[in-house]
Amino acid sequence: MKTLEGVIALVTGGGRGIGAAIAERYANDGAAVVVADLDEANARGVADRLRARGVEAESLAVDVREPEQSAAMIKRVVERFGRLDVLVNNAGVIRVRSLLDTSPDDWDHVQSVNARGLFFALQAGARHMLDQEPMAPGRPSGKIINMASIAGRGGRKLMAAYSASKAAAIVITQTAAVEFAPRLTVNSICPGPVGTDMWTQIDREWAEHEQRPIGSVWEERVRAIPMKRTETPDDVAAMAAFLASKDSDFITGQSYHVDGGLLML
């Protein structure tokens, strides 16, 4: 039996990168998957690929910056599938700026998705999950997985707004875990540098700021990884699969580093 057979999962920011990899992994493990993304075409593309393989999959265009859209997102999932078992709050954005050059718009742009958006999507999902029957006798009623970052574990040069937003994600995870136990489990994942479009943006903006060659920041980060290879979205999806499965039922309030040993605490 597949580890997520019968599970209904919703992944925000699921149209590309880490979110798409999580949606694919969940589908491989037997879940029905709802792919939510600001970019409707990307979300639909991932859902279409899953449906072509016989997976139950839907796509939604959602802007998590707007709490009412997150509430509507949860409502639509429940109307379609009858329940929601796993919510992955993966949607995220970044701007690479020095602290003194970070504008109110930069700050608000990052916090509106990574902290505010995550918080209200979590809130909307939890409201429903807390009232539904457990996934099986003796199991939680639902699982929430938040995408944080090793950047949320401490200050990062040129990433004040982003690091602050990911620190918020970790604390929101811990608070929700305490408040929702034992009905729900709430955990977060802290990736390191992952080969996605976001890191292409980070490399470009960082290199421009320091007048370095494009690609040099990324290469520097990869060289520092003890496991001596680039982190992939599938590496993160593997942890997301574990946290969605029965094997993690007794784990809550934790933030797991998936970074090849880059940050050891």
Protein backbone atom coordinates (compact mmCIF):
# COMPACT_ATOMS: atom_id res chain seq x y z
CA MET A 1 0.00 0.00 0.00
CA LYS A 2 1.25 3.46 -0.86
CA THR A 3 2.08 5.59 2.18
CA LEU A 4 -0.40 8.35 1.29
CA GLU A 5 -3.19 6.23 -0.15
CA GLY A 6 -6.53 8.01 0.36
CA VAL A 7 -4.93 11.25 1.58
CA ILE A 8 -6.20 14.62 0.30
CA ALA A 9 -3.30 17.07 0.05
CA LEU A 10 -3.15 20.76 -0.86
CA VAL A 11 0.12 22.42 -1.88
CA THR A 12 0.38 26.20 -2.20
CA GLY A 13 3.02 27.53 -4.54
CA GLY A 14 2.67 24.15 -6.23
CA GLY A 15 3.06 25.33 -9.80
CA ARG A 16 6.85 25.01 -9.96
CA GLY A 17 10.04 24.28 -8.04
CA ILE A 18 9.75 22.73 -4.59
CA GLY A 19 5.95 22.91 -4.58
CA ALA A 20 5.65 21.02 -7.87
CA ALA A 21 8.09 18.38 -6.61
CA ILE A 22 6.00 17.91 -3.46
CA ALA A 23 2.81 17.58 -5.50
CA GLU A 24 4.49 14.97 -7.70
CA ARG A 25 5.83 13.03 -4.70
CA TYR A 26 2.46 13.03 -2.97
CA ALA A 27 0.80 11.76 -6.15
CA ASN A 28 3.42 9.00 -6.45
CA ASP A 29 2.69 8.01 -2.85
CA GLY A 30 -1.05 7.68 -3.52
CA ALA A 31 -2.55 11.04 -2.52
CA ALA A 32 -5.12 13.12 -4.34
CA VAL A 33 -3.49 16.50 -4.86
CA VAL A 34 -4.72 20.08 -5.19
CA VAL A 35 -2.12 22.39 -6.71
CA ALA A 36 -2.62 26.05 -5.76
CA ASP A 37 -0.53 28.86 -7.22
CA LEU A 38 -0.70 32.54 -8.07
CA ASP A 39 0.20 31.50 -11.63
CA GLU A 40 -2.90 29.65 -12.79
CA ALA A 41 -1.19 28.23 -15.89
CA ASN A 42 1.63 26.69 -13.85
CA ALA A 43 -0.82 25.15 -11.36
CA ARG A 44 -2.94 23.75 -14.16
CA GLY A 45 0.13 22.33 -15.91
CA VAL A 46 1.20 20.36 -12.82
CA ALA A 47 -2.36 19.10 -12.21
CA ASP A 48 -2.72 18.10 -15.88
CA ARG A 49 0.50 16.05 -15.69
CA LEU A 50 -0.79 14.26 -12.61
CA ARG A 51 -4.21 13.57 -14.13
CA ALA A 52 -2.54 12.15 -17.24
CA ARG A 53 -1.06 9.50 -14.92
CA GLY A 54 -4.46 8.67 -13.45
CA VAL A 55 -4.04 10.75 -10.29
CA GLU A 56 -6.95 12.68 -8.83
CA ALA A 57 -5.70 16.26 -9.12
CA GLU A 58 -7.14 19.76 -9.27
CA SER A 59 -5.63 23.21 -9.71
CA LEU A 60 -6.56 26.52 -8.13
CA ALA A 61 -5.46 30.09 -8.80
CA VAL A 62 -4.86 31.58 -5.34
CA ASP A 63 -3.14 34.70 -4.02
CA VAL A 64 -2.26 33.80 -0.43
CA ARG A 65 -1.63 37.47 0.33
CA GLU A 66 -5.42 37.75 0.54
CA PRO A 67 -6.83 35.82 3.53
CA GLU A 68 -10.26 35.54 1.95
CA GLN A 69 -8.71 33.72 -1.01
CA SER A 70 -7.05 31.23 1.34
CA ALA A 71 -10.38 30.64 3.07
CA ALA A 72 -12.07 30.12 -0.30
CA MET A 73 -9.26 27.75 -1.32
CA ILE A 74 -9.87 25.50 1.68
CA LYS A 75 -13.62 25.59 1.10
CA ARG A 76 -13.22 24.51 -2.52
CA VAL A 77 -10.93 21.62 -1.61
CA VAL A 78 -13.40 20.36 1.01
CA GLU A 79 -16.34 20.75 -1.37
CA ARG A 80 -14.47 18.72 -4.00
CA PHE A 81 -12.97 15.98 -1.82
CA GLY A 82 -14.95 16.06 1.43
CA ARG A 83 -11.94 16.73 3.65
CA LEU A 84 -8.37 18.04 3.74
CA ASP A 85 -5.70 15.85 5.31
CA VAL A 86 -2.44 17.61 4.49
CA LEU A 87 -1.81 21.31 3.89
CA VAL A 88 1.61 22.38 2.63
CA ASN A 89 2.20 26.12 2.90
CA ASN A 90 4.96 26.40 0.33
CA ALA A 91 4.23 29.68 -1.49
CA GLY A 92 7.17 32.04 -1.08
CA VAL A 93 8.99 35.03 -2.56
CA ILE A 94 12.30 36.82 -2.03
CA ARG A 95 14.09 40.09 -2.75
CA VAL A 96 17.84 40.34 -2.21
CA ARG A 97 18.63 43.75 -0.77
CA SER A 98 21.07 45.25 1.71
CA LEU A 99 19.43 46.18 4.97
CA LEU A 100 19.74 49.92 4.26
CA ASP A 101 18.38 49.50 0.72
CA THR A 102 15.35 47.45 1.79
CA SER A 103 12.29 49.58 1.08
CA PRO A 104 8.85 49.34 2.68
CA ASP A 105 7.67 47.77 -0.57
CA ASP A 106 10.45 45.14 -0.42
CA TRP A 107 9.61 44.33 3.20
CA ASP A 108 5.87 44.16 2.64
CA HIS A 109 6.21 42.09 -0.54
CA VAL A 110 8.20 39.38 1.23
CA GLN A 111 6.23 39.37 4.49
CA SER A 112 2.86 39.42 2.73
CA VAL A 113 3.49 36.00 1.20
CA ASN A 114 6.03 34.25 3.44
CA ALA A 115 4.63 35.27 6.83
CA ARG A 116 1.16 36.81 6.47
CA GLY A 117 0.12 34.51 3.63
CA LEU A 118 1.40 31.42 5.40
CA PHE A 119 -0.30 32.41 8.66
CA PHE A 120 -3.76 32.93 7.21
CA ALA A 121 -3.60 29.87 4.94
CA LEU A 122 -2.62 27.83 8.00
CA GLN A 123 -5.46 29.40 9.96
CA ALA A 124 -8.02 28.61 7.27
CA GLY A 125 -6.81 25.03 6.93
CA ALA A 126 -6.73 24.45 10.68
CA ARG A 127 -10.29 25.74 11.14
CA HIS A 128 -11.55 22.92 8.96
CA MET A 129 -9.10 20.21 10.01
CA LEU A 130 -9.86 20.64 13.70
CA ASP A 131 -13.53 19.88 13.07
CA GLN A 132 -13.13 16.84 10.84
CA GLU A 133 -12.80 13.22 11.86
CA PRO A 134 -9.29 11.79 12.37
CA MET A 135 -7.52 10.40 9.34
CA ALA A 136 -7.96 6.97 10.98
CA PRO A 137 -8.60 5.84 14.56
CA GLY A 138 -5.83 7.09 16.83
CA ARG A 139 -4.38 9.37 14.15
CA PRO A 140 -4.44 13.19 13.82
CA SER A 141 -7.28 14.94 12.05
CA GLY A 142 -4.83 16.67 9.75
CA LYS A 143 -1.25 17.70 9.12
CA ILE A 144 0.17 21.11 8.28
CA ILE A 145 3.63 21.52 6.79
CA ASN A 146 5.15 24.98 6.47
CA MET A 147 8.06 25.83 4.20
CA ALA A 148 10.64 27.75 6.22
CA SER A 149 14.38 27.94 5.43
CA ILE A 150 17.77 27.70 7.09
CA ALA A 151 17.74 31.47 6.49
CA GLY A 152 15.16 31.63 9.27
CA ARG A 153 17.67 30.28 11.77
CA GLY A 154 19.74 33.47 11.87
CA GLY A 155 20.54 36.72 10.15
CA ARG A 156 21.69 36.56 6.54
CA LYS A 157 23.57 39.22 4.61
CA LEU A 158 21.34 40.88 1.99
CA MET A 159 18.35 38.83 3.15
CA ALA A 160 16.95 40.67 6.18
CA ALA A 161 13.33 40.61 5.01
CA TYR A 162 13.48 37.02 3.81
CA SER A 163 15.25 35.72 6.91
CA ALA A 164 12.74 37.51 9.15
CA SER A 165 9.83 36.00 7.22
CA LYS A 166 11.24 32.49 7.54
CA ALA A 167 11.94 32.96 11.25
CA ALA A 168 8.27 33.91 11.51
CA ALA A 169 7.32 30.71 9.70
CA ILE A 170 9.26 28.66 12.27
CA VAL A 171 7.61 30.42 15.23
CA ILE A 172 4.15 30.18 13.66
CA THR A 173 4.79 26.45 13.26
CA GLN A 174 5.69 26.06 16.93
CA THR A 175 2.74 28.12 18.14
CA ALA A 176 0.26 26.23 15.96
CA ALA A 177 1.71 22.90 17.08
CA VAL A 178 1.07 23.77 20.72
CA GLU A 179 -2.41 25.16 20.14
CA PHE A 180 -3.64 22.40 17.82
CA ALA A 181 -2.21 19.33 19.56
CA PRO A 182 -3.27 16.59 19.74
CA ARG A 183 -5.74 17.06 16.87
CA LEU A 184 -3.21 18.30 14.30
CA THR A 185 0.50 18.02 13.72
CA VAL A 186 2.30 21.14 12.50
CA ASN A 187 5.91 21.02 11.33
CA SER A 188 8.17 22.97 9.01
CA ILE A 189 10.97 22.24 6.56
CA CYS A 190 14.11 24.38 6.32
CA PRO A 191 15.78 23.83 2.95
CA GLY A 192 19.22 25.09 2.06
CA PRO A 193 20.10 26.38 -1.44
CA VAL A 194 17.87 24.46 -3.85
CA GLY A 195 18.28 24.53 -7.62
CA THR A 196 15.06 26.41 -8.44
CA ASP A 197 13.99 29.65 -10.11
CA MET A 198 14.13 31.37 -6.72
CA TRP A 199 17.81 30.61 -6.35
CA THR A 200 18.42 31.82 -9.90
CA GLN A 201 16.90 35.12 -8.75
CA ILE A 202 18.96 35.17 -5.53
CA ASP A 203 22.17 34.52 -7.45
CA ARG A 204 21.44 37.25 -10.00
CA GLU A 205 20.41 39.93 -7.48
CA TRP A 206 23.26 39.10 -5.08
CA ALA A 207 25.84 39.10 -7.89
CA GLU A 208 24.56 42.44 -9.17
CA HIS A 209 24.78 43.94 -5.69
CA GLU A 210 28.38 42.82 -5.22
CA GLN A 211 29.36 43.28 -8.89
CA ARG A 212 30.26 39.61 -9.22
CA PRO A 213 29.76 37.23 -12.16
CA ILE A 214 26.33 35.70 -12.47
CA GLY A 215 26.49 32.16 -11.10
CA SER A 216 29.30 32.81 -8.65
CA VAL A 217 27.06 33.14 -5.58
CA TRP A 218 25.31 29.86 -6.36
CA GLU A 219 28.61 28.06 -6.97
CA GLU A 220 29.95 29.37 -3.65
CA ARG A 221 26.94 28.06 -1.76
CA VAL A 222 27.07 24.62 -3.37
CA ARG A 223 30.79 24.26 -2.58
CA ALA A 224 30.00 24.80 1.11
CA ILE A 225 27.52 21.89 1.30
CA PRO A 226 29.11 18.94 3.17
CA MET A 227 27.24 16.42 1.02
CA LYS A 228 29.03 17.89 -2.02
CA ARG A 229 26.14 18.17 -4.40
CA THR A 230 23.34 20.52 -5.36
CA GLU A 231 20.14 20.21 -3.36
CA THR A 232 17.13 19.34 -5.51
CA PRO A 233 13.40 19.91 -5.04
CA ASP A 234 13.03 16.15 -4.68
CA ASP A 235 15.25 16.23 -1.57
CA VAL A 236 12.75 18.59 0.05
CA ALA A 237 9.77 16.60 -1.24
CA ALA A 238 11.09 13.49 0.50
CA MET A 239 10.86 15.23 3.88
CA ALA A 240 7.40 16.58 2.99
CA ALA A 241 6.31 13.02 2.22
CA PHE A 242 7.55 11.78 5.59
CA LEU A 243 5.79 14.58 7.46
CA ALA A 244 2.55 13.80 5.61
CA SER A 245 2.74 10.08 6.39
CA LYS A 246 1.64 7.99 9.35
CA ASP A 247 5.30 7.57 10.33
CA SER A 248 5.38 11.19 11.59
CA ASP A 249 2.16 11.07 13.64
CA PHE A 250 4.02 11.63 16.92
CA ILE A 251 6.09 14.55 15.60
CA THR A 252 4.90 18.13 15.92
CA GLY A 253 6.39 21.60 16.37
CA GLN A 254 9.64 20.64 14.65
CA SER A 255 11.61 22.40 11.91
CA TYR A 256 13.76 20.04 9.88
CA HIS A 257 16.90 21.13 8.07
CA VAL A 258 17.13 19.57 4.61
CA ASP A 259 20.37 21.17 3.47
CA GLY A 260 23.05 18.53 3.05
CA GLY A 261 24.60 19.48 6.38
CA LEU A 262 25.11 23.15 5.54
CA LEU A 263 23.71 24.32 8.87
CA MET A 264 24.18 22.10 11.91
CA LEU A 265 22.54 23.10 15.20
